[in-house]
Amino acid sequence: MKELVEVIAKALVDNPDEVVVTEIEDGNELRIELKVAAADMGKVIGRQGRIAKAIRSVVKTASTRIDKKVTVEIIE
């Protein structure tokens, strides 16, 4: 999951070197934290959160294979 979010985020931003993705596993849950440069925050979130919602939808669909609840958090 980490690699999936990383590839998507790096394709969206102007500074792909500043994309940091971390996975935190807690039992049956997996939390993915995404950090990008401040200038790229709007590109990852999108208008009215549409891009962020799309990223979460793709990750949720991909997570059905691993039988874990996966959440994606975008951190400033």
N, C-alpha and C. Protein backbone atom coordinates (compact mmCIF):
# COMPACT_ATOMS: atom_id res chain seq x y z
N MET A 1 0.81 -1.19 0.00
CA MET A 1 0.00 0.00 0.00
C MET A 1 0.87 1.26 0.00
N LYS A 2 1.95 1.20 0.74
CA LYS A 2 2.84 2.35 0.84
C LYS A 2 3.35 2.75 -0.54
N GLU A 3 3.76 1.78 -1.31
CA GLU A 3 4.30 2.05 -2.64
C GLU A 3 3.24 2.66 -3.55
N LEU A 4 2.01 2.18 -3.44
CA LEU A 4 0.92 2.69 -4.26
C LEU A 4 0.68 4.17 -4.00
N VAL A 5 0.59 4.54 -2.73
CA VAL A 5 0.37 5.95 -2.37
C VAL A 5 1.56 6.80 -2.79
N GLU A 6 2.75 6.26 -2.64
CA GLU A 6 3.96 7.00 -3.01
C GLU A 6 4.01 7.29 -4.50
N VAL A 7 3.68 6.31 -5.32
CA VAL A 7 3.69 6.49 -6.77
C VAL A 7 2.65 7.52 -7.19
N ILE A 8 1.46 7.44 -6.63
CA ILE A 8 0.40 8.39 -6.97
C ILE A 8 0.80 9.80 -6.57
N ALA A 9 1.31 9.96 -5.35
CA ALA A 9 1.66 11.29 -4.84
C ALA A 9 2.81 11.90 -5.64
N LYS A 10 3.81 11.11 -5.96
CA LYS A 10 4.95 11.64 -6.71
C LYS A 10 4.55 12.07 -8.12
N ALA A 11 3.54 11.44 -8.68
CA ALA A 11 3.06 11.83 -10.00
C ALA A 11 2.30 13.16 -9.97
N LEU A 12 1.76 13.50 -8.81
CA LEU A 12 0.94 14.71 -8.70
C LEU A 12 1.72 15.97 -8.36
N VAL A 13 2.81 15.85 -7.64
CA VAL A 13 3.49 17.02 -7.07
C VAL A 13 4.63 17.53 -7.94
N ASP A 14 5.07 18.77 -7.66
CA ASP A 14 6.22 19.35 -8.35
C ASP A 14 7.54 18.95 -7.71
N ASN A 15 7.51 18.62 -6.42
CA ASN A 15 8.72 18.22 -5.68
C ASN A 15 8.61 16.76 -5.23
N PRO A 16 8.80 15.81 -6.13
CA PRO A 16 8.63 14.41 -5.73
C PRO A 16 9.65 13.93 -4.70
N ASP A 17 10.77 14.63 -4.57
CA ASP A 17 11.78 14.22 -3.59
C ASP A 17 11.31 14.48 -2.15
N GLU A 18 10.33 15.35 -1.97
CA GLU A 18 9.86 15.69 -0.64
C GLU A 18 8.64 14.88 -0.21
N VAL A 19 8.24 13.90 -1.00
CA VAL A 19 7.12 13.04 -0.65
C VAL A 19 7.61 11.98 0.34
N VAL A 20 6.94 11.91 1.48
CA VAL A 20 7.29 10.91 2.50
C VAL A 20 6.02 10.15 2.86
N VAL A 21 6.08 8.83 2.73
CA VAL A 21 4.94 7.97 3.05
C VAL A 21 5.38 7.00 4.13
N THR A 22 4.59 6.93 5.21
CA THR A 22 4.89 5.99 6.29
C THR A 22 3.67 5.12 6.55
N GLU A 23 3.93 3.88 6.90
CA GLU A 23 2.87 2.93 7.24
C GLU A 23 2.93 2.64 8.72
N ILE A 24 1.77 2.68 9.36
CA ILE A 24 1.67 2.33 10.77
C ILE A 24 0.64 1.22 10.88
N GLU A 25 1.08 0.05 11.32
CA GLU A 25 0.20 -1.10 11.41
C GLU A 25 -0.21 -1.32 12.86
N ASP A 26 -1.52 -1.48 13.08
CA ASP A 26 -2.04 -1.69 14.42
C ASP A 26 -3.11 -2.78 14.35
N GLY A 27 -2.70 -4.00 14.57
CA GLY A 27 -3.64 -5.11 14.51
C GLY A 27 -4.18 -5.32 13.11
N ASN A 28 -5.49 -5.13 12.96
CA ASN A 28 -6.15 -5.33 11.67
C ASN A 28 -6.30 -4.01 10.90
N GLU A 29 -5.67 -2.96 11.39
CA GLU A 29 -5.75 -1.66 10.73
C GLU A 29 -4.38 -1.22 10.24
N LEU A 30 -4.40 -0.50 9.14
CA LEU A 30 -3.17 0.02 8.56
C LEU A 30 -3.39 1.49 8.25
N ARG A 31 -2.56 2.35 8.84
CA ARG A 31 -2.68 3.79 8.60
C ARG A 31 -1.49 4.23 7.75
N ILE A 32 -1.81 4.92 6.68
CA ILE A 32 -0.77 5.43 5.78
C ILE A 32 -0.75 6.94 5.90
N GLU A 33 0.39 7.48 6.27
CA GLU A 33 0.54 8.93 6.42
C GLU A 33 1.33 9.46 5.24
N LEU A 34 0.81 10.51 4.62
CA LEU A 34 1.43 11.11 3.45
C LEU A 34 1.83 12.54 3.78
N LYS A 35 3.11 12.83 3.61
CA LYS A 35 3.62 14.19 3.82
C LYS A 35 4.21 14.68 2.51
N VAL A 36 3.82 15.91 2.13
CA VAL A 36 4.36 16.54 0.92
C VAL A 36 4.81 17.94 1.27
N ALA A 37 5.50 18.59 0.35
CA ALA A 37 5.93 19.97 0.57
C ALA A 37 4.70 20.86 0.68
N ALA A 38 4.85 21.95 1.42
CA ALA A 38 3.73 22.87 1.63
C ALA A 38 3.18 23.42 0.32
N ALA A 39 4.05 23.65 -0.64
CA ALA A 39 3.62 24.18 -1.94
C ALA A 39 2.81 23.16 -2.73
N ASP A 40 2.98 21.88 -2.45
CA ASP A 40 2.29 20.83 -3.18
C ASP A 40 1.03 20.33 -2.48
N MET A 41 0.72 20.87 -1.32
CA MET A 41 -0.42 20.38 -0.54
C MET A 41 -1.73 20.49 -1.33
N GLY A 42 -1.92 21.58 -2.03
CA GLY A 42 -3.15 21.77 -2.80
C GLY A 42 -3.27 20.79 -3.95
N LYS A 43 -2.16 20.38 -4.51
CA LYS A 43 -2.19 19.43 -5.62
C LYS A 43 -2.58 18.03 -5.15
N VAL A 44 -2.23 17.70 -3.93
CA VAL A 44 -2.56 16.38 -3.40
C VAL A 44 -4.00 16.35 -2.89
N ILE A 45 -4.47 17.46 -2.35
CA ILE A 45 -5.83 17.51 -1.82
C ILE A 45 -6.84 17.76 -2.93
N GLY A 46 -6.55 18.70 -3.82
CA GLY A 46 -7.45 19.00 -4.93
C GLY A 46 -8.61 19.89 -4.50
N ARG A 47 -9.37 20.32 -5.47
CA ARG A 47 -10.53 21.16 -5.19
C ARG A 47 -11.57 20.36 -4.43
N GLN A 48 -11.98 20.92 -3.32
CA GLN A 48 -12.97 20.30 -2.43
C GLN A 48 -12.58 18.88 -2.03
N GLY A 49 -11.27 18.60 -2.03
CA GLY A 49 -10.78 17.30 -1.57
C GLY A 49 -10.98 16.16 -2.55
N ARG A 50 -11.22 16.48 -3.81
CA ARG A 50 -11.52 15.42 -4.79
C ARG A 50 -10.34 14.48 -5.03
N ILE A 51 -9.14 15.02 -5.13
CA ILE A 51 -7.98 14.16 -5.39
C ILE A 51 -7.68 13.30 -4.17
N ALA A 52 -7.78 13.89 -2.98
CA ALA A 52 -7.57 13.12 -1.75
C ALA A 52 -8.59 11.99 -1.65
N LYS A 53 -9.83 12.28 -2.01
CA LYS A 53 -10.87 11.26 -1.97
C LYS A 53 -10.58 10.16 -2.98
N ALA A 54 -10.08 10.54 -4.15
CA ALA A 54 -9.74 9.55 -5.17
C ALA A 54 -8.59 8.65 -4.72
N ILE A 55 -7.59 9.24 -4.09
CA ILE A 55 -6.46 8.45 -3.56
C ILE A 55 -6.98 7.45 -2.53
N ARG A 56 -7.84 7.92 -1.64
CA ARG A 56 -8.40 7.03 -0.61
C ARG A 56 -9.23 5.91 -1.23
N SER A 57 -9.97 6.21 -2.29
CA SER A 57 -10.79 5.19 -2.96
C SER A 57 -9.91 4.12 -3.61
N VAL A 58 -8.84 4.53 -4.26
CA VAL A 58 -7.94 3.57 -4.89
C VAL A 58 -7.29 2.68 -3.84
N VAL A 59 -6.85 3.27 -2.74
CA VAL A 59 -6.21 2.50 -1.67
C VAL A 59 -7.22 1.55 -1.03
N LYS A 60 -8.44 2.01 -0.83
CA LYS A 60 -9.47 1.16 -0.23
C LYS A 60 -9.77 -0.04 -1.12
N THR A 61 -9.84 0.19 -2.42
CA THR A 61 -10.08 -0.90 -3.36
C THR A 61 -8.92 -1.89 -3.35
N ALA A 62 -7.70 -1.39 -3.33
CA ALA A 62 -6.53 -2.25 -3.31
C ALA A 62 -6.40 -3.01 -1.98
N SER A 63 -6.94 -2.44 -0.91
CA SER A 63 -6.80 -3.07 0.41
C SER A 63 -7.70 -4.28 0.59
N THR A 64 -8.64 -4.50 -0.31
CA THR A 64 -9.52 -5.67 -0.17
C THR A 64 -8.73 -6.97 -0.30
N ARG A 65 -7.57 -6.91 -0.97
CA ARG A 65 -6.74 -8.11 -1.13
C ARG A 65 -6.04 -8.50 0.16
N ILE A 66 -5.77 -7.55 1.05
CA ILE A 66 -5.00 -7.86 2.26
C ILE A 66 -5.89 -8.00 3.49
N ASP A 67 -7.19 -7.80 3.35
CA ASP A 67 -8.15 -7.96 4.46
C ASP A 67 -7.79 -7.12 5.68
N LYS A 68 -7.44 -5.85 5.43
CA LYS A 68 -7.18 -4.91 6.52
C LYS A 68 -7.90 -3.61 6.22
N LYS A 69 -8.26 -2.91 7.28
CA LYS A 69 -8.85 -1.59 7.12
C LYS A 69 -7.69 -0.59 6.92
N VAL A 70 -7.71 0.11 5.81
CA VAL A 70 -6.62 1.02 5.49
C VAL A 70 -7.16 2.45 5.44
N THR A 71 -6.47 3.36 6.12
CA THR A 71 -6.83 4.77 6.08
C THR A 71 -5.61 5.57 5.59
N VAL A 72 -5.90 6.62 4.84
CA VAL A 72 -4.84 7.48 4.32
C VAL A 72 -5.02 8.86 4.95
N GLU A 73 -3.97 9.34 5.59
CA GLU A 73 -3.99 10.67 6.19
C GLU A 73 -2.95 11.54 5.51
N ILE A 74 -3.39 12.73 5.14
CA ILE A 74 -2.47 13.70 4.54
C ILE A 74 -2.06 14.66 5.65
N ILE A 75 -0.77 14.71 5.94
CA ILE A 75 -0.25 15.47 7.07
C ILE A 75 0.50 16.69 6.57
N GLU A 76 0.27 17.81 7.22
CA GLU A 76 0.96 19.06 6.85
C GLU A 76 2.33 19.11 7.44
